[in-house]
Amino acid sequence: MRTICPSAVIALSLLGGLPVATAVYSQSASDTPRPAAVQPSAPPAAADNPESPVERGRKFYLSNCAVCHQPSGLGIPNQYPPLAGSSFVNGSPKRLAMIILHGLQGPLTVGEHKFNGAQPAWGKALDDRRIAEVLTYIRQAWGNKGGPVTEKQIASVREEFKGRDEPWSSQDILAVPDTAVPPGGEQATPTPQR
């Protein structure tokens, strides 16, 4: 069964002429409970400063991403993948930037859970600073251990794939080394698959 993520459709349709992307994720596995190791935690300490990039990323996430991926980052079983504890979030910032800039469509495995749907592209709607803020937030929230993502890193990935008009597949994303870091940031530490 396919479902539509209301906030993604509304947000993209309100951005003036952008194609309305359908944020759809259907988990092909049965209703398997979430692993106990992936529990929500408090947002990063920098969230106390309303001017911090992490706080701006948190606010954007809660307004645009949380309907599908949930305020806890745990996603919705059988529909939307978790961001908490995800190797896609904790691993290569280049992979994550590619997904947010151009979207992701088709089969995807996060932990032991299989999904098949679409993550809308945000590259035409958001500038590099905003993308860096939201990615920094999700890489530091809910117990995630990813480092910050910089505006320069997003600009580098945007430039590298500037001619791309279609979403990535999970095979495309996984072909990028988990330690790949765009210029303008620090080396990533690979996150073991669960």
C-alpha atoms as a PDB file:
ATOM      1  CA  MET A   1       0.000   0.000   0.000  1.00  0.00           C
ATOM      2  CA  ARG A   2       1.264   3.489  -0.822  1.00  0.00           C
ATOM      3  CA  THR A   3       0.522   6.536   1.285  1.00  0.00           C
ATOM      4  CA  ILE A   4       1.172  10.203   0.712  1.00  0.00           C
ATOM      5  CA  CYS A   5       3.034  12.312   3.235  1.00  0.00           C
ATOM      6  CA  PRO A   6       0.771  15.351   3.597  1.00  0.00           C
ATOM      7  CA  SER A   7       3.412  17.852   4.740  1.00  0.00           C
ATOM      8  CA  ALA A   8       5.726  17.089   1.818  1.00  0.00           C
ATOM      9  CA  VAL A   9       2.935  17.487  -0.724  1.00  0.00           C
ATOM     10  CA  ILE A  10       1.676  20.709   0.850  1.00  0.00           C
ATOM     11  CA  ALA A  11       5.146  22.201   1.289  1.00  0.00           C
ATOM     12  CA  LEU A  12       6.214  21.478  -2.260  1.00  0.00           C
ATOM     13  CA  SER A  13       2.930  22.560  -3.828  1.00  0.00           C
ATOM     14  CA  LEU A  14       3.094  25.897  -1.992  1.00  0.00           C
ATOM     15  CA  LEU A  15       6.580  26.619  -3.342  1.00  0.00           C
ATOM     16  CA  GLY A  16       5.196  27.957  -6.588  1.00  0.00           C
ATOM     17  CA  GLY A  17       5.232  25.630  -9.522  1.00  0.00           C
ATOM     18  CA  LEU A  18       7.547  22.957  -8.215  1.00  0.00           C
ATOM     19  CA  PRO A  19       6.302  19.519  -9.163  1.00  0.00           C
ATOM     20  CA  VAL A  20       4.435  18.066  -6.253  1.00  0.00           C
ATOM     21  CA  ALA A  21       6.505  15.150  -5.045  1.00  0.00           C
ATOM     22  CA  THR A  22       4.861  12.292  -3.313  1.00  0.00           C
ATOM     23  CA  ALA A  23       6.714  11.344  -0.164  1.00  0.00           C
ATOM     24  CA  VAL A  24       5.808   7.722  -0.060  1.00  0.00           C
ATOM     25  CA  TYR A  25       7.319   4.900   1.849  1.00  0.00           C
ATOM     26  CA  SER A  26       5.788   1.492   2.211  1.00  0.00           C
ATOM     27  CA  GLN A  27       7.611  -1.044   4.256  1.00  0.00           C
ATOM     28  CA  SER A  28       7.578  -4.433   2.594  1.00  0.00           C
ATOM     29  CA  ALA A  29       8.414  -6.332   5.760  1.00  0.00           C
ATOM     30  CA  SER A  30       5.784  -7.193   8.337  1.00  0.00           C
ATOM     31  CA  ASP A  31       5.047  -4.972  11.320  1.00  0.00           C
ATOM     32  CA  THR A  32       8.406  -5.613  12.913  1.00  0.00           C
ATOM     33  CA  PRO A  33       8.907  -3.551  16.083  1.00  0.00           C
ATOM     34  CA  ARG A  34      11.666  -0.951  16.166  1.00  0.00           C
ATOM     35  CA  PRO A  35      14.971  -2.064  17.669  1.00  0.00           C
ATOM     36  CA  ALA A  36      15.314  -1.092  21.314  1.00  0.00           C
ATOM     37  CA  ALA A  37      18.647   0.628  20.564  1.00  0.00           C
ATOM     38  CA  VAL A  38      16.850   3.299  18.529  1.00  0.00           C
ATOM     39  CA  GLN A  39      15.030   5.345  21.134  1.00  0.00           C
ATOM     40  CA  PRO A  40      14.270   9.049  20.949  1.00  0.00           C
ATOM     41  CA  SER A  41      16.501  11.348  22.915  1.00  0.00           C
ATOM     42  CA  ALA A  42      16.620  15.036  23.617  1.00  0.00           C
ATOM     43  CA  PRO A  43      17.749  17.303  20.788  1.00  0.00           C
ATOM     44  CA  PRO A  44      21.370  18.483  20.801  1.00  0.00           C
ATOM     45  CA  ALA A  45      22.279  20.989  23.514  1.00  0.00           C
ATOM     46  CA  ALA A  46      22.765  23.757  20.933  1.00  0.00           C
ATOM     47  CA  ALA A  47      18.991  23.672  20.401  1.00  0.00           C
ATOM     48  CA  ASP A  48      18.693  25.917  23.487  1.00  0.00           C
ATOM     49  CA  ASN A  49      20.100  28.802  21.416  1.00  0.00           C
ATOM     50  CA  PRO A  50      17.361  29.991  19.047  1.00  0.00           C
ATOM     51  CA  GLU A  51      19.967  31.484  16.714  1.00  0.00           C
ATOM     52  CA  SER A  52      22.050  28.328  16.335  1.00  0.00           C
ATOM     53  CA  PRO A  53      22.117  26.403  13.036  1.00  0.00           C
ATOM     54  CA  VAL A  54      20.988  23.282  14.928  1.00  0.00           C
ATOM     55  CA  GLU A  55      17.917  25.107  16.277  1.00  0.00           C
ATOM     56  CA  ARG A  56      17.043  26.461  12.820  1.00  0.00           C
ATOM     57  CA  GLY A  57      17.446  22.925  11.437  1.00  0.00           C
ATOM     58  CA  ARG A  58      15.231  21.537  14.212  1.00  0.00           C
ATOM     59  CA  LYS A  59      12.489  24.056  13.476  1.00  0.00           C
ATOM     60  CA  PHE A  60      12.575  23.279   9.758  1.00  0.00           C
ATOM     61  CA  TYR A  61      12.548  19.538  10.470  1.00  0.00           C
ATOM     62  CA  LEU A  62       9.547  19.814  12.790  1.00  0.00           C
ATOM     63  CA  SER A  63       7.646  21.932  10.244  1.00  0.00           C
ATOM     64  CA  ASN A  64       8.445  19.899   7.136  1.00  0.00           C
ATOM     65  CA  CYS A  65       9.840  16.446   7.893  1.00  0.00           C
ATOM     66  CA  ALA A  66       8.331  15.304  11.186  1.00  0.00           C
ATOM     67  CA  VAL A  67       4.925  14.347   9.767  1.00  0.00           C
ATOM     68  CA  CYS A  68       6.578  11.437   7.972  1.00  0.00           C
ATOM     69  CA  HIS A  69       9.794  10.799   9.922  1.00  0.00           C
ATOM     70  CA  GLN A  70       8.150  11.814  13.255  1.00  0.00           C
ATOM     71  CA  PRO A  71       9.420  14.255  15.903  1.00  0.00           C
ATOM     72  CA  SER A  72      11.210  11.278  17.487  1.00  0.00           C
ATOM     73  CA  GLY A  73      13.053  10.466  14.239  1.00  0.00           C
ATOM     74  CA  LEU A  74      11.680   6.918  14.423  1.00  0.00           C
ATOM     75  CA  GLY A  75       9.572   7.163  11.255  1.00  0.00           C
ATOM     76  CA  ILE A  76       6.315   5.250  10.889  1.00  0.00           C
ATOM     77  CA  PRO A  77       6.498   1.459  10.619  1.00  0.00           C
ATOM     78  CA  ASN A  78       5.490   0.175   7.195  1.00  0.00           C
ATOM     79  CA  GLN A  79       5.480   3.701   5.750  1.00  0.00           C
ATOM     80  CA  TYR A  80       8.379   6.067   6.478  1.00  0.00           C
ATOM     81  CA  PRO A  81      11.931   5.062   7.455  1.00  0.00           C
ATOM     82  CA  PRO A  82      13.559   6.097  10.715  1.00  0.00           C
ATOM     83  CA  LEU A  83      16.301   8.704  10.794  1.00  0.00           C
ATOM     84  CA  ALA A  84      17.313   7.824  14.363  1.00  0.00           C
ATOM     85  CA  GLY A  85      20.134   5.299  14.220  1.00  0.00           C
ATOM     86  CA  SER A  86      20.116   5.203  10.398  1.00  0.00           C
ATOM     87  CA  SER A  87      23.415   4.579   8.631  1.00  0.00           C
ATOM     88  CA  PHE A  88      22.182   6.932   5.880  1.00  0.00           C
ATOM     89  CA  VAL A  89      22.067   9.740   8.456  1.00  0.00           C
ATOM     90  CA  ASN A  90      25.133   8.852  10.548  1.00  0.00           C
ATOM     91  CA  GLY A  91      27.398   7.907   7.642  1.00  0.00           C
ATOM     92  CA  SER A  92      28.557   9.934   4.667  1.00  0.00           C
ATOM     93  CA  PRO A  93      27.310  13.518   4.621  1.00  0.00           C
ATOM     94  CA  LYS A  94      27.687  13.353   0.839  1.00  0.00           C
ATOM     95  CA  ARG A  95      25.121  10.537   0.607  1.00  0.00           C
ATOM     96  CA  LEU A  96      22.694  12.452   2.783  1.00  0.00           C
ATOM     97  CA  ALA A  97      23.156  15.671   0.792  1.00  0.00           C
ATOM     98  CA  MET A  98      22.553  13.769  -2.462  1.00  0.00           C
ATOM     99  CA  ILE A  99      19.260  12.425  -1.095  1.00  0.00           C
ATOM    100  CA  ILE A 100      17.993  15.802   0.113  1.00  0.00           C
ATOM    101  CA  LEU A 101      19.059  17.678  -3.023  1.00  0.00           C
ATOM    102  CA  HIS A 102      17.677  15.222  -5.602  1.00  0.00           C
ATOM    103  CA  GLY A 103      15.359  12.869  -3.737  1.00  0.00           C
ATOM    104  CA  LEU A 104      15.348   9.088  -3.430  1.00  0.00           C
ATOM    105  CA  GLN A 105      12.981   6.623  -5.043  1.00  0.00           C
ATOM    106  CA  GLY A 106      12.505   2.872  -4.964  1.00  0.00           C
ATOM    107  CA  PRO A 107      13.514   0.058  -2.637  1.00  0.00           C
ATOM    108  CA  LEU A 108      15.526   1.035   0.431  1.00  0.00           C
ATOM    109  CA  THR A 109      16.692  -0.920   3.468  1.00  0.00           C
ATOM    110  CA  VAL A 110      17.187   0.904   6.761  1.00  0.00           C
ATOM    111  CA  GLY A 111      18.450  -1.423   9.461  1.00  0.00           C
ATOM    112  CA  GLU A 112      16.465  -4.603   8.937  1.00  0.00           C
ATOM    113  CA  HIS A 113      13.418  -2.821   7.532  1.00  0.00           C
ATOM    114  CA  LYS A 114      12.632  -2.597   3.829  1.00  0.00           C
ATOM    115  CA  PHE A 115      10.816   0.388   2.344  1.00  0.00           C
ATOM    116  CA  ASN A 116       9.738   1.168  -1.198  1.00  0.00           C
ATOM    117  CA  GLY A 117       8.718   4.698  -1.964  1.00  0.00           C
ATOM    118  CA  ALA A 118       9.997   8.211  -2.547  1.00  0.00           C
ATOM    119  CA  GLN A 119      11.697  10.987  -0.604  1.00  0.00           C
ATOM    120  CA  PRO A 120      11.051  14.313  -2.340  1.00  0.00           C
ATOM    121  CA  ALA A 121      13.928  16.444  -3.596  1.00  0.00           C
ATOM    122  CA  TRP A 122      14.429  19.707  -1.726  1.00  0.00           C
ATOM    123  CA  GLY A 123      17.309  21.085  -3.830  1.00  0.00           C
ATOM    124  CA  LYS A 124      15.195  23.537  -5.866  1.00  0.00           C
ATOM    125  CA  ALA A 125      13.245  24.751  -2.829  1.00  0.00           C
ATOM    126  CA  LEU A 126      16.028  25.215  -0.258  1.00  0.00           C
ATOM    127  CA  ASP A 127      19.348  27.017  -0.248  1.00  0.00           C
ATOM    128  CA  ASP A 128      22.594  25.391   0.862  1.00  0.00           C
ATOM    129  CA  ARG A 129      22.494  26.965   4.329  1.00  0.00           C
ATOM    130  CA  ARG A 130      19.016  25.628   5.142  1.00  0.00           C
ATOM    131  CA  ILE A 131      19.902  22.114   3.918  1.00  0.00           C
ATOM    132  CA  ALA A 132      23.114  22.142   5.987  1.00  0.00           C
ATOM    133  CA  GLU A 133      21.142  23.212   9.072  1.00  0.00           C
ATOM    134  CA  VAL A 134      18.508  20.485   8.829  1.00  0.00           C
ATOM    135  CA  LEU A 135      21.095  17.791   8.024  1.00  0.00           C
ATOM    136  CA  THR A 136      23.254  18.907  10.956  1.00  0.00           C
ATOM    137  CA  TYR A 137      20.213  18.690  13.212  1.00  0.00           C
ATOM    138  CA  ILE A 138      19.193  15.172  12.157  1.00  0.00           C
ATOM    139  CA  ARG A 139      22.814  13.944  12.341  1.00  0.00           C
ATOM    140  CA  GLN A 140      22.986  15.106  15.988  1.00  0.00           C
ATOM    141  CA  ALA A 141      19.434  14.393  17.252  1.00  0.00           C
ATOM    142  CA  TRP A 142      17.957  11.187  18.745  1.00  0.00           C
ATOM    143  CA  GLY A 143      21.345   9.721  19.685  1.00  0.00           C
ATOM    144  CA  ASN A 144      22.789  10.030  16.169  1.00  0.00           C
ATOM    145  CA  LYS A 145      26.552  10.525  16.087  1.00  0.00           C
ATOM    146  CA  GLY A 146      27.086  12.257  12.721  1.00  0.00           C
ATOM    147  CA  GLY A 147      29.061  15.467  12.606  1.00  0.00           C
ATOM    148  CA  PRO A 148      27.886  18.821  11.338  1.00  0.00           C
ATOM    149  CA  VAL A 149      27.241  19.435   7.654  1.00  0.00           C
ATOM    150  CA  THR A 150      28.455  22.745   6.227  1.00  0.00           C
ATOM    151  CA  GLU A 151      26.984  25.047   3.638  1.00  0.00           C
ATOM    152  CA  LYS A 152      30.184  24.549   1.588  1.00  0.00           C
ATOM    153  CA  GLN A 153      29.629  20.782   1.563  1.00  0.00           C
ATOM    154  CA  ILE A 154      26.077  21.181   0.270  1.00  0.00           C
ATOM    155  CA  ALA A 155      27.273  23.646  -2.391  1.00  0.00           C
ATOM    156  CA  SER A 156      29.933  21.145  -3.475  1.00  0.00           C
ATOM    157  CA  VAL A 157      27.424  18.282  -3.856  1.00  0.00           C
ATOM    158  CA  ARG A 158      24.950  20.595  -5.611  1.00  0.00           C
ATOM    159  CA  GLU A 159      27.649  21.610  -8.099  1.00  0.00           C
ATOM    160  CA  GLU A 160      28.842  18.029  -8.650  1.00  0.00           C
ATOM    161  CA  PHE A 161      25.345  16.861  -9.620  1.00  0.00           C
ATOM    162  CA  LYS A 162      23.931  20.110 -11.058  1.00  0.00           C
ATOM    163  CA  GLY A 163      22.709  18.425 -14.249  1.00  0.00           C
ATOM    164  CA  ARG A 164      20.714  15.739 -12.440  1.00  0.00           C
ATOM    165  CA  ASP A 165      16.923  15.969 -12.744  1.00  0.00           C
ATOM    166  CA  GLU A 166      15.819  12.630 -11.355  1.00  0.00           C
ATOM    167  CA  PRO A 167      15.813  11.057  -7.898  1.00  0.00           C
ATOM    168  CA  TRP A 168      18.517   8.663  -6.796  1.00  0.00           C
ATOM    169  CA  SER A 169      18.010   4.957  -6.186  1.00  0.00           C
ATOM    170  CA  SER A 170      19.406   3.291  -3.082  1.00  0.00           C
ATOM    171  CA  GLN A 171      21.961   1.571  -5.352  1.00  0.00           C
ATOM    172  CA  ASP A 172      23.186   4.994  -6.526  1.00  0.00           C
ATOM    173  CA  ILE A 173      23.528   6.209  -2.943  1.00  0.00           C
ATOM    174  CA  LEU A 174      25.226   3.035  -1.705  1.00  0.00           C
ATOM    175  CA  ALA A 175      27.769   3.285  -4.547  1.00  0.00           C
ATOM    176  CA  VAL A 176      29.151   6.393  -2.798  1.00  0.00           C
ATOM    177  CA  PRO A 177      31.656   5.326  -0.112  1.00  0.00           C
ATOM    178  CA  ASP A 178      30.305   5.681   3.417  1.00  0.00           C
ATOM    179  CA  THR A 179      33.374   7.778   4.253  1.00  0.00           C
ATOM    180  CA  ALA A 180      32.839  10.217   1.333  1.00  0.00           C
ATOM    181  CA  VAL A 181      32.953  13.792   2.566  1.00  0.00           C
ATOM    182  CA  PRO A 182      32.397  16.724   0.222  1.00  0.00           C
ATOM    183  CA  PRO A 183      34.952  19.550   0.407  1.00  0.00           C
ATOM    184  CA  GLY A 184      34.347  21.939   3.286  1.00  0.00           C
ATOM    185  CA  GLY A 185      33.931  19.443   6.132  1.00  0.00           C
ATOM    186  CA  GLU A 186      35.575  16.774   8.254  1.00  0.00           C
ATOM    187  CA  GLN A 187      36.069  13.079   7.518  1.00  0.00           C
ATOM    188  CA  ALA A 188      33.017  10.914   8.308  1.00  0.00           C
ATOM    189  CA  THR A 189      33.206   7.768  10.409  1.00  0.00           C
ATOM    190  CA  PRO A 190      31.370   4.852   8.794  1.00  0.00           C
ATOM    191  CA  THR A 191      28.365   3.569  10.717  1.00  0.00           C
ATOM    192  CA  PRO A 192      28.017  -0.214  10.757  1.00  0.00           C
ATOM    193  CA  GLN A 193      24.846  -1.589   9.158  1.00  0.00           C
ATOM    194  CA  ARG A 194      22.440  -3.132  11.651  1.00  0.00           C
END
